[in-house]
Each structure stands twice: as structure tokens, then as C-alpha cells.
Amino acid sequence: MSRRCQVTGAVPSLGRKIIRSGKSKKSGGIGTHVTANTARRFRPNLRTKRIYVTELGRHITVKLTARAMKTIDKNGAYSTLKRAGLV
């Protein structure tokens, strides 16, 4: 299964990790310098959840981000899952 939130559509994004080296000026050095830029992936905070939908009277298993779980708490399971096309 892909790393995609079924409600928000969040997917991994590409970015860079900046590697710095040297002693800071505050500590008596000449300052830190950027020595490398390494490619990395920022992955969404995914959780597999089994949510009970009272309007349907059954459970639905979905792969959600933490942000989508907060959206479900705020707007309700049925309306959020219906808007996402999962119900």
C-alpha cells in the first residue's frame, strides 16, 4: 500500500538536509559553515485506523495522517469520509 493519506491526500515530499560543521562564534570558533546538502524525504505521519461510523453502523479501516484524525474529530467521521469519497 502506498504512503498516502486517504483523507487529505498527503504524500512524501522531497527536501534537503543541511549539514553544518565548525565551532560557533559564541563558543570561540569562526562560525559554522554548510558542508553538504543531502537529499531526503519528508514522510507523512500515517496511522492505520479502524473508525466506527455511526450512520453506517459499521467499522471502516483507513490510512490517515495525524492531521486527518484531528479533522475527523472536528467534523465527524461520516462527513469527512464522505467528502474524501471513502463512504
PDB file of N, CA and C in Angstrom:
ATOM      1  N   MET A   1       0.844  -1.181   0.000  1.00  0.00           N
ATOM      2  CA  MET A   1       0.000   0.000   0.000  1.00  0.00           C
ATOM      3  C   MET A   1       0.889   1.245   0.000  1.00  0.00           C
ATOM      4  N   SER A   2       0.472   2.250  -0.724  1.00  0.00           N
ATOM      5  CA  SER A   2       1.298   3.448  -0.852  1.00  0.00           C
ATOM      6  C   SER A   2       1.234   4.297   0.413  1.00  0.00           C
ATOM      7  N   ARG A   3       2.222   5.161   0.564  1.00  0.00           N
ATOM      8  CA  ARG A   3       2.252   6.076   1.706  1.00  0.00           C
ATOM      9  C   ARG A   3       1.448   7.314   1.350  1.00  0.00           C
ATOM     10  N   ARG A   4       0.147   7.207   1.405  1.00  0.00           N
ATOM     11  CA  ARG A   4      -0.743   8.303   1.057  1.00  0.00           C
ATOM     12  C   ARG A   4      -1.907   8.323   2.039  1.00  0.00           C
ATOM     13  N   CYS A   5      -2.231   9.518   2.512  1.00  0.00           N
ATOM     14  CA  CYS A   5      -3.385   9.666   3.392  1.00  0.00           C
ATOM     15  C   CYS A   5      -4.649   9.593   2.536  1.00  0.00           C
ATOM     16  N   GLN A   6      -5.602   8.771   2.960  1.00  0.00           N
ATOM     17  CA  GLN A   6      -6.816   8.593   2.171  1.00  0.00           C
ATOM     18  C   GLN A   6      -7.784   9.762   2.320  1.00  0.00           C
ATOM     19  N   VAL A   7      -7.596  10.606   3.322  1.00  0.00           N
ATOM     20  CA  VAL A   7      -8.487  11.751   3.518  1.00  0.00           C
ATOM     21  C   VAL A   7      -7.873  13.026   2.950  1.00  0.00           C
ATOM     22  N   THR A   8      -6.642  13.350   3.344  1.00  0.00           N
ATOM     23  CA  THR A   8      -6.032  14.610   2.919  1.00  0.00           C
ATOM     24  C   THR A   8      -5.222  14.475   1.638  1.00  0.00           C
ATOM     25  N   GLY A   9      -4.824  13.256   1.283  1.00  0.00           N
ATOM     26  CA  GLY A   9      -4.022  13.054   0.078  1.00  0.00           C
ATOM     27  C   GLY A   9      -2.549  13.372   0.274  1.00  0.00           C
ATOM     28  N   ALA A  10      -2.082  13.473   1.518  1.00  0.00           N
ATOM     29  CA  ALA A  10      -0.679  13.800   1.791  1.00  0.00           C
ATOM     30  C   ALA A  10       0.224  12.655   1.335  1.00  0.00           C
ATOM     31  N   VAL A  11       1.303  13.004   0.645  1.00  0.00           N
ATOM     32  CA  VAL A  11       2.275  12.028   0.150  1.00  0.00           C
ATOM     33  C   VAL A  11       3.679  12.473   0.571  1.00  0.00           C
ATOM     34  N   PRO A  12       4.672  11.584   0.512  1.00  0.00           N
ATOM     35  CA  PRO A  12       6.034  12.010   0.845  1.00  0.00           C
ATOM     36  C   PRO A  12       6.512  13.109  -0.099  1.00  0.00           C
ATOM     37  N   SER A  13       7.255  14.071   0.464  1.00  0.00           N
ATOM     38  CA  SER A  13       7.805  15.155  -0.350  1.00  0.00           C
ATOM     39  C   SER A  13       9.320  15.131  -0.255  1.00  0.00           C
ATOM     40  N   LEU A  14       9.972  15.707  -1.247  1.00  0.00           N
ATOM     41  CA  LEU A  14      11.426  15.734  -1.281  1.00  0.00           C
ATOM     42  C   LEU A  14      11.947  17.007  -0.645  1.00  0.00           C
ATOM     43  N   GLY A  15      13.120  16.889  -0.036  1.00  0.00           N
ATOM     44  CA  GLY A  15      13.741  18.043   0.584  1.00  0.00           C
ATOM     45  C   GLY A  15      15.225  17.805   0.741  1.00  0.00           C
ATOM     46  N   ARG A  16      15.860  18.632   1.535  1.00  0.00           N
ATOM     47  CA  ARG A  16      17.294  18.507   1.753  1.00  0.00           C
ATOM     48  C   ARG A  16      17.600  18.607   3.239  1.00  0.00           C
ATOM     49  N   LYS A  17      18.664  17.914   3.650  1.00  0.00           N
ATOM     50  CA  LYS A  17      19.199  18.034   4.993  1.00  0.00           C
ATOM     51  C   LYS A  17      20.496  18.808   4.890  1.00  0.00           C
ATOM     52  N   ILE A  18      20.578  19.938   5.579  1.00  0.00           N
ATOM     53  CA  ILE A  18      21.775  20.773   5.528  1.00  0.00           C
ATOM     54  C   ILE A  18      22.723  20.318   6.631  1.00  0.00           C
ATOM     55  N   ILE A  19      23.937  19.975   6.265  1.00  0.00           N
ATOM     56  CA  ILE A  19      24.943  19.529   7.223  1.00  0.00           C
ATOM     57  C   ILE A  19      25.913  20.677   7.463  1.00  0.00           C
ATOM     58  N   ARG A  20      26.017  21.077   8.720  1.00  0.00           N
ATOM     59  CA  ARG A  20      26.899  22.182   9.093  1.00  0.00           C
ATOM     60  C   ARG A  20      28.030  21.649   9.955  1.00  0.00           C
ATOM     61  N   SER A  21      29.189  22.281   9.843  1.00  0.00           N
ATOM     62  CA  SER A  21      30.309  21.875  10.668  1.00  0.00           C
ATOM     63  C   SER A  21      31.069  23.095  11.109  1.00  0.00           C
ATOM     64  N   GLY A  22      31.823  22.966  12.185  1.00  0.00           N
ATOM     65  CA  GLY A  22      32.601  24.076  12.726  1.00  0.00           C
ATOM     66  C   GLY A  22      32.124  24.464  14.104  1.00  0.00           C
ATOM     67  N   LYS A  23      32.898  25.246  14.774  1.00  0.00           N
ATOM     68  CA  LYS A  23      32.585  25.706  16.120  1.00  0.00           C
ATOM     69  C   LYS A  23      31.904  27.075  16.031  1.00  0.00           C
ATOM     70  N   SER A  24      30.845  27.256  16.811  1.00  0.00           N
ATOM     71  CA  SER A  24      30.095  28.505  16.740  1.00  0.00           C
ATOM     72  C   SER A  24      30.938  29.672  17.232  1.00  0.00           C
ATOM     73  N   LYS A  25      30.603  30.858  16.759  1.00  0.00           N
ATOM     74  CA  LYS A  25      31.322  32.067  17.168  1.00  0.00           C
ATOM     75  C   LYS A  25      31.161  32.315  18.670  1.00  0.00           C
ATOM     76  N   LYS A  26      29.988  31.982  19.189  1.00  0.00           N
ATOM     77  CA  LYS A  26      29.726  32.164  20.609  1.00  0.00           C
ATOM     78  C   LYS A  26      30.670  31.315  21.469  1.00  0.00           C
ATOM     79  N   SER A  27      31.054  30.149  20.913  1.00  0.00           N
ATOM     80  CA  SER A  27      31.946  29.240  21.643  1.00  0.00           C
ATOM     81  C   SER A  27      33.414  29.509  21.357  1.00  0.00           C
ATOM     82  N   GLY A  28      33.728  30.558  20.587  1.00  0.00           N
ATOM     83  CA  GLY A  28      35.115  30.907  20.329  1.00  0.00           C
ATOM     84  C   GLY A  28      35.646  30.454  18.982  1.00  0.00           C
ATOM     85  N   GLY A  29      34.780  29.933  18.119  1.00  0.00           N
ATOM     86  CA  GLY A  29      35.215  29.488  16.796  1.00  0.00           C
ATOM     87  C   GLY A  29      35.035  30.569  15.754  1.00  0.00           C
ATOM     88  N   ILE A  30      35.163  30.183  14.494  1.00  0.00           N
ATOM     89  CA  ILE A  30      34.998  31.160  13.411  1.00  0.00           C
ATOM     90  C   ILE A  30      33.609  31.076  12.775  1.00  0.00           C
ATOM     91  N   GLY A  31      32.745  30.253  13.337  1.00  0.00           N
ATOM     92  CA  GLY A  31      31.376  30.140  12.837  1.00  0.00           C
ATOM     93  C   GLY A  31      31.161  28.837  12.099  1.00  0.00           C
ATOM     94  N   THR A  32      29.907  28.417  12.041  1.00  0.00           N
ATOM     95  CA  THR A  32      29.590  27.166  11.346  1.00  0.00           C
ATOM     96  C   THR A  32      29.457  27.418   9.854  1.00  0.00           C
ATOM     97  N   HIS A  33      29.763  26.402   9.061  1.00  0.00           N
ATOM     98  CA  HIS A  33      29.694  26.500   7.610  1.00  0.00           C
ATOM     99  C   HIS A  33      28.899  25.327   7.065  1.00  0.00           C
ATOM    100  N   VAL A  34      28.182  25.563   5.981  1.00  0.00           N
ATOM    101  CA  VAL A  34      27.453  24.494   5.317  1.00  0.00           C
ATOM    102  C   VAL A  34      28.464  23.655   4.559  1.00  0.00           C
ATOM    103  N   THR A  35      28.524  22.355   4.875  1.00  0.00           N
ATOM    104  CA  THR A  35      29.493  21.483   4.222  1.00  0.00           C
ATOM    105  C   THR A  35      28.847  20.526   3.244  1.00  0.00           C
ATOM    106  N   ALA A  36      27.523  20.291   3.371  1.00  0.00           N
ATOM    107  CA  ALA A  36      26.869  19.353   2.451  1.00  0.00           C
ATOM    108  C   ALA A  36      25.373  19.596   2.454  1.00  0.00           C
ATOM    109  N   ASN A  37      24.734  19.260   1.342  1.00  0.00           N
ATOM    110  CA  ASN A  37      23.282  19.221   1.215  1.00  0.00           C
ATOM    111  C   ASN A  37      22.915  17.821   0.763  1.00  0.00           C
ATOM    112  N   THR A  38      22.216  17.070   1.606  1.00  0.00           N
ATOM    113  CA  THR A  38      21.864  15.698   1.292  1.00  0.00           C
ATOM    114  C   THR A  38      20.368  15.615   1.025  1.00  0.00           C
ATOM    115  N   ALA A  39      19.985  14.943  -0.050  1.00  0.00           N
ATOM    116  CA  ALA A  39      18.571  14.774  -0.374  1.00  0.00           C
ATOM    117  C   ALA A  39      17.934  13.830   0.634  1.00  0.00           C
ATOM    118  N   ARG A  40      16.702  14.123   0.994  1.00  0.00           N
ATOM    119  CA  ARG A  40      15.945  13.270   1.898  1.00  0.00           C
ATOM    120  C   ARG A  40      14.465  13.372   1.584  1.00  0.00           C
ATOM    121  N   ARG A  41      13.664  12.506   2.193  1.00  0.00           N
ATOM    122  CA  ARG A  41      12.217  12.521   2.002  1.00  0.00           C
ATOM    123  C   ARG A  41      11.531  12.851   3.317  1.00  0.00           C
ATOM    124  N   PHE A  42      10.548  13.728   3.242  1.00  0.00           N
ATOM    125  CA  PHE A  42       9.708  14.045   4.393  1.00  0.00           C
ATOM    126  C   PHE A  42       8.448  13.201   4.257  1.00  0.00           C
ATOM    127  N   ARG A  43       8.276  12.240   5.152  1.00  0.00           N
ATOM    128  CA  ARG A  43       7.151  11.314   5.053  1.00  0.00           C
ATOM    129  C   ARG A  43       5.992  11.781   5.925  1.00  0.00           C
ATOM    130  N   PRO A  44       4.747  11.591   5.455  1.00  0.00           N
ATOM    131  CA  PRO A  44       3.591  11.981   6.275  1.00  0.00           C
ATOM    132  C   PRO A  44       3.462  11.076   7.497  1.00  0.00           C
ATOM    133  N   ASN A  45       2.884  11.608   8.541  1.00  0.00           N
ATOM    134  CA  ASN A  45       2.713  10.881   9.807  1.00  0.00           C
ATOM    135  C   ASN A  45       1.475   9.986   9.684  1.00  0.00           C
ATOM    136  N   LEU A  46       1.632   8.815   9.063  1.00  0.00           N
ATOM    137  CA  LEU A  46       0.499   7.946   8.751  1.00  0.00           C
ATOM    138  C   LEU A  46       0.204   6.952   9.860  1.00  0.00           C
ATOM    139  N   ARG A  47      -1.076   6.698  10.067  1.00  0.00           N
ATOM    140  CA  ARG A  47      -1.567   5.699  11.006  1.00  0.00           C
ATOM    141  C   ARG A  47      -2.688   4.928  10.331  1.00  0.00           C
ATOM    142  N   THR A  48      -2.743   3.627  10.543  1.00  0.00           N
ATOM    143  CA  THR A  48      -3.866   2.825  10.069  1.00  0.00           C
ATOM    144  C   THR A  48      -4.886   2.772  11.199  1.00  0.00           C
ATOM    145  N   LYS A  49      -6.093   3.249  10.923  1.00  0.00           N
ATOM    146  CA  LYS A  49      -7.117   3.352  11.959  1.00  0.00           C
ATOM    147  C   LYS A  49      -8.384   2.630  11.518  1.00  0.00           C
ATOM    148  N   ARG A  50      -9.061   2.056  12.485  1.00  0.00           N
ATOM    149  CA  ARG A  50     -10.359   1.421  12.269  1.00  0.00           C
ATOM    150  C   ARG A  50     -11.384   2.327  12.930  1.00  0.00           C
ATOM    151  N   ILE A  51     -12.168   3.012  12.110  1.00  0.00           N
ATOM    152  CA  ILE A  51     -13.098   4.038  12.612  1.00  0.00           C
ATOM    153  C   ILE A  51     -14.520   3.510  12.519  1.00  0.00           C
ATOM    154  N   TYR A  52     -15.274   3.690  13.593  1.00  0.00           N
ATOM    155  CA  TYR A  52     -16.681   3.307  13.599  1.00  0.00           C
ATOM    156  C   TYR A  52     -17.517   4.476  13.108  1.00  0.00           C
ATOM    157  N   VAL A  53     -18.314   4.228  12.073  1.00  0.00           N
ATOM    158  CA  VAL A  53     -19.197   5.251  11.505  1.00  0.00           C
ATOM    159  C   VAL A  53     -20.617   4.935  11.955  1.00  0.00           C
ATOM    160  N   THR A  54     -21.185   5.796  12.797  1.00  0.00           N
ATOM    161  CA  THR A  54     -22.498   5.513  13.381  1.00  0.00           C
ATOM    162  C   THR A  54     -23.606   5.543  12.334  1.00  0.00           C
ATOM    163  N   GLU A  55     -23.487   6.410  11.325  1.00  0.00           N
ATOM    164  CA  GLU A  55     -24.531   6.498  10.288  1.00  0.00           C
ATOM    165  C   GLU A  55     -24.631   5.217   9.467  1.00  0.00           C
ATOM    166  N   LEU A  56     -23.498   4.528   9.306  1.00  0.00           N
ATOM    167  CA  LEU A  56     -23.491   3.270   8.554  1.00  0.00           C
ATOM    168  C   LEU A  56     -23.629   2.055   9.466  1.00  0.00           C
ATOM    169  N   GLY A  57     -23.288   2.229  10.735  1.00  0.00           N
ATOM    170  CA  GLY A  57     -23.375   1.136  11.687  1.00  0.00           C
ATOM    171  C   GLY A  57     -22.273   0.098  11.511  1.00  0.00           C
ATOM    172  N   ARG A  58     -21.118   0.510  11.007  1.00  0.00           N
ATOM    173  CA  ARG A  58     -20.010  -0.434  10.807  1.00  0.00           C
ATOM    174  C   ARG A  58     -18.676   0.285  10.904  1.00  0.00           C
ATOM    175  N   HIS A  59     -17.614  -0.526  10.960  1.00  0.00           N
ATOM    176  CA  HIS A  59     -16.256  -0.003  11.013  1.00  0.00           C
ATOM    177  C   HIS A  59     -15.684   0.134   9.608  1.00  0.00           C
ATOM    178  N   ILE A  60     -14.802   1.130   9.425  1.00  0.00           N
ATOM    179  CA  ILE A  60     -14.075   1.316   8.175  1.00  0.00           C
ATOM    180  C   ILE A  60     -12.603   1.482   8.525  1.00  0.00           C
ATOM    181  N   THR A  61     -11.734   0.709   7.855  1.00  0.00           N
ATOM    182  CA  THR A  61     -10.298   0.819   8.083  1.00  0.00           C
ATOM    183  C   THR A  61      -9.711   1.760   7.046  1.00  0.00           C
ATOM    184  N   VAL A  62      -9.021   2.799   7.519  1.00  0.00           N
ATOM    185  CA  VAL A  62      -8.431   3.804   6.633  1.00  0.00           C
ATOM    186  C   VAL A  62      -7.012   4.110   7.084  1.00  0.00           C
ATOM    187  N   LYS A  63      -6.207   4.602   6.150  1.00  0.00           N
ATOM    188  CA  LYS A  63      -4.846   5.037   6.438  1.00  0.00           C
ATOM    189  C   LYS A  63      -4.862   6.560   6.482  1.00  0.00           C
ATOM    190  N   LEU A  64      -4.583   7.122   7.665  1.00  0.00           N
ATOM    191  CA  LEU A  64      -4.751   8.555   7.895  1.00  0.00           C
ATOM    192  C   LEU A  64      -3.481   9.188   8.439  1.00  0.00           C
ATOM    193  N   THR A  65      -3.346  10.484   8.186  1.00  0.00           N
ATOM    194  CA  THR A  65      -2.321  11.266   8.863  1.00  0.00           C
ATOM    195  C   THR A  65      -2.893  11.737  10.200  1.00  0.00           C
ATOM    196  N   ALA A  66      -2.019  12.216  11.069  1.00  0.00           N
ATOM    197  CA  ALA A  66      -2.461  12.745  12.359  1.00  0.00           C
ATOM    198  C   ALA A  66      -3.371  13.948  12.144  1.00  0.00           C
ATOM    199  N   ARG A  67      -3.083  14.748  11.123  1.00  0.00           N
ATOM    200  CA  ARG A  67      -3.919  15.922  10.827  1.00  0.00           C
ATOM    201  C   ARG A  67      -5.317  15.497  10.395  1.00  0.00           C
ATOM    202  N   ALA A  68      -5.426  14.402   9.633  1.00  0.00           N
ATOM    203  CA  ALA A  68      -6.735  13.911   9.198  1.00  0.00           C
ATOM    204  C   ALA A  68      -7.542  13.386  10.375  1.00  0.00           C
ATOM    205  N   MET A  69      -6.868  12.793  11.358  1.00  0.00           N
ATOM    206  CA  MET A  69      -7.580  12.330  12.554  1.00  0.00           C
ATOM    207  C   MET A  69      -8.163  13.504  13.335  1.00  0.00           C
ATOM    208  N   LYS A  70      -7.427  14.613  13.376  1.00  0.00           N
ATOM    209  CA  LYS A  70      -7.951  15.809  14.025  1.00  0.00           C
ATOM    210  C   LYS A  70      -9.152  16.361  13.260  1.00  0.00           C
ATOM    211  N   THR A  71      -9.117  16.263  11.924  1.00  0.00           N
ATOM    212  CA  THR A  71     -10.235  16.714  11.102  1.00  0.00           C
ATOM    213  C   THR A  71     -11.469  15.855  11.361  1.00  0.00           C
ATOM    214  N   ILE A  72     -11.278  14.540  11.510  1.00  0.00           N
ATOM    215  CA  ILE A  72     -12.390  13.638  11.796  1.00  0.00           C
ATOM    216  C   ILE A  72     -12.980  13.949  13.168  1.00  0.00           C
ATOM    217  N   ASP A  73     -12.132  14.251  14.152  1.00  0.00           N
ATOM    218  CA  ASP A  73     -12.636  14.628  15.482  1.00  0.00           C
ATOM    219  C   ASP A  73     -13.463  15.902  15.424  1.00  0.00           C
ATOM    220  N   LYS A  74     -13.042  16.827  14.572  1.00  0.00           N
ATOM    221  CA  LYS A  74     -13.723  18.121  14.488  1.00  0.00           C
ATOM    222  C   LYS A  74     -15.023  18.034  13.699  1.00  0.00           C
ATOM    223  N   ASN A  75     -14.980  17.407  12.509  1.00  0.00           N
ATOM    224  CA  ASN A  75     -16.132  17.429  11.597  1.00  0.00           C
ATOM    225  C   ASN A  75     -16.993  16.180  11.645  1.00  0.00           C
ATOM    226  N   GLY A  76     -16.533  15.128  12.290  1.00  0.00           N
ATOM    227  CA  GLY A  76     -17.276  13.872  12.337  1.00  0.00           C
ATOM    228  C   GLY A  76     -16.776  12.910  11.278  1.00  0.00           C
ATOM    229  N   ALA A  77     -16.898  11.616  11.592  1.00  0.00           N
ATOM    230  CA  ALA A  77     -16.359  10.572  10.716  1.00  0.00           C
ATOM    231  C   ALA A  77     -17.120  10.492   9.394  1.00  0.00           C
ATOM    232  N   TYR A  78     -18.433  10.490   9.453  1.00  0.00           N
ATOM    233  CA  TYR A  78     -19.212  10.272   8.228  1.00  0.00           C
ATOM    234  C   TYR A  78     -19.006  11.394   7.220  1.00  0.00           C
ATOM    235  N   SER A  79     -19.097  12.650   7.664  1.00  0.00           N
ATOM    236  CA  SER A  79     -18.979  13.768   6.716  1.00  0.00           C
ATOM    237  C   SER A  79     -17.570  13.859   6.126  1.00  0.00           C
ATOM    238  N   THR A  80     -16.541  13.584   6.945  1.00  0.00           N
ATOM    239  CA  THR A  80     -15.165  13.655   6.454  1.00  0.00           C
ATOM    240  C   THR A  80     -14.873  12.546   5.476  1.00  0.00           C
ATOM    241  N   LEU A  81     -15.280  11.321   5.791  1.00  0.00           N
ATOM    242  CA  LEU A  81     -15.039  10.182   4.898  1.00  0.00           C
ATOM    243  C   LEU A  81     -15.871  10.281   3.626  1.00  0.00           C
ATOM    244  N   LYS A  82     -17.056  10.873   3.726  1.00  0.00           N
ATOM    245  CA  LYS A  82     -17.896  11.053   2.532  1.00  0.00           C
ATOM    246  C   LYS A  82     -17.277  12.076   1.591  1.00  0.00           C
ATOM    247  N   ARG A  83     -16.725  13.166   2.144  1.00  0.00           N
ATOM    248  CA  ARG A  83     -16.066  14.185   1.339  1.00  0.00           C
ATOM    249  C   ARG A  83     -14.828  13.628   0.638  1.00  0.00           C
ATOM    250  N   ALA A  84     -14.164  12.657   1.303  1.00  0.00           N
ATOM    251  CA  ALA A  84     -12.964  12.035   0.721  1.00  0.00           C
ATOM    252  C   ALA A  84     -13.316  10.929  -0.270  1.00  0.00           C
ATOM    253  N   GLY A  85     -14.589  10.555  -0.350  1.00  0.00           N
ATOM    254  CA  GLY A  85     -15.015   9.516  -1.290  1.00  0.00           C
ATOM    255  C   GLY A  85     -14.782   8.113  -0.797  1.00  0.00           C
ATOM    256  N   LEU A  86     -14.696   7.929   0.515  1.00  0.00           N
ATOM    257  CA  LEU A  86     -14.446   6.608   1.076  1.00  0.00           C
ATOM    258  C   LEU A  86     -15.728   5.926   1.552  1.00  0.00           C
ATOM    259  N   VAL A  87     -16.831   6.667   1.599  1.00  0.00           N
ATOM    260  CA  VAL A  87     -18.116   6.094   2.047  1.00  0.00           C
ATOM    261  C   VAL A  87     -19.102   6.173   0.910  1.00  0.00           C
TER     262      VAL A  87
END
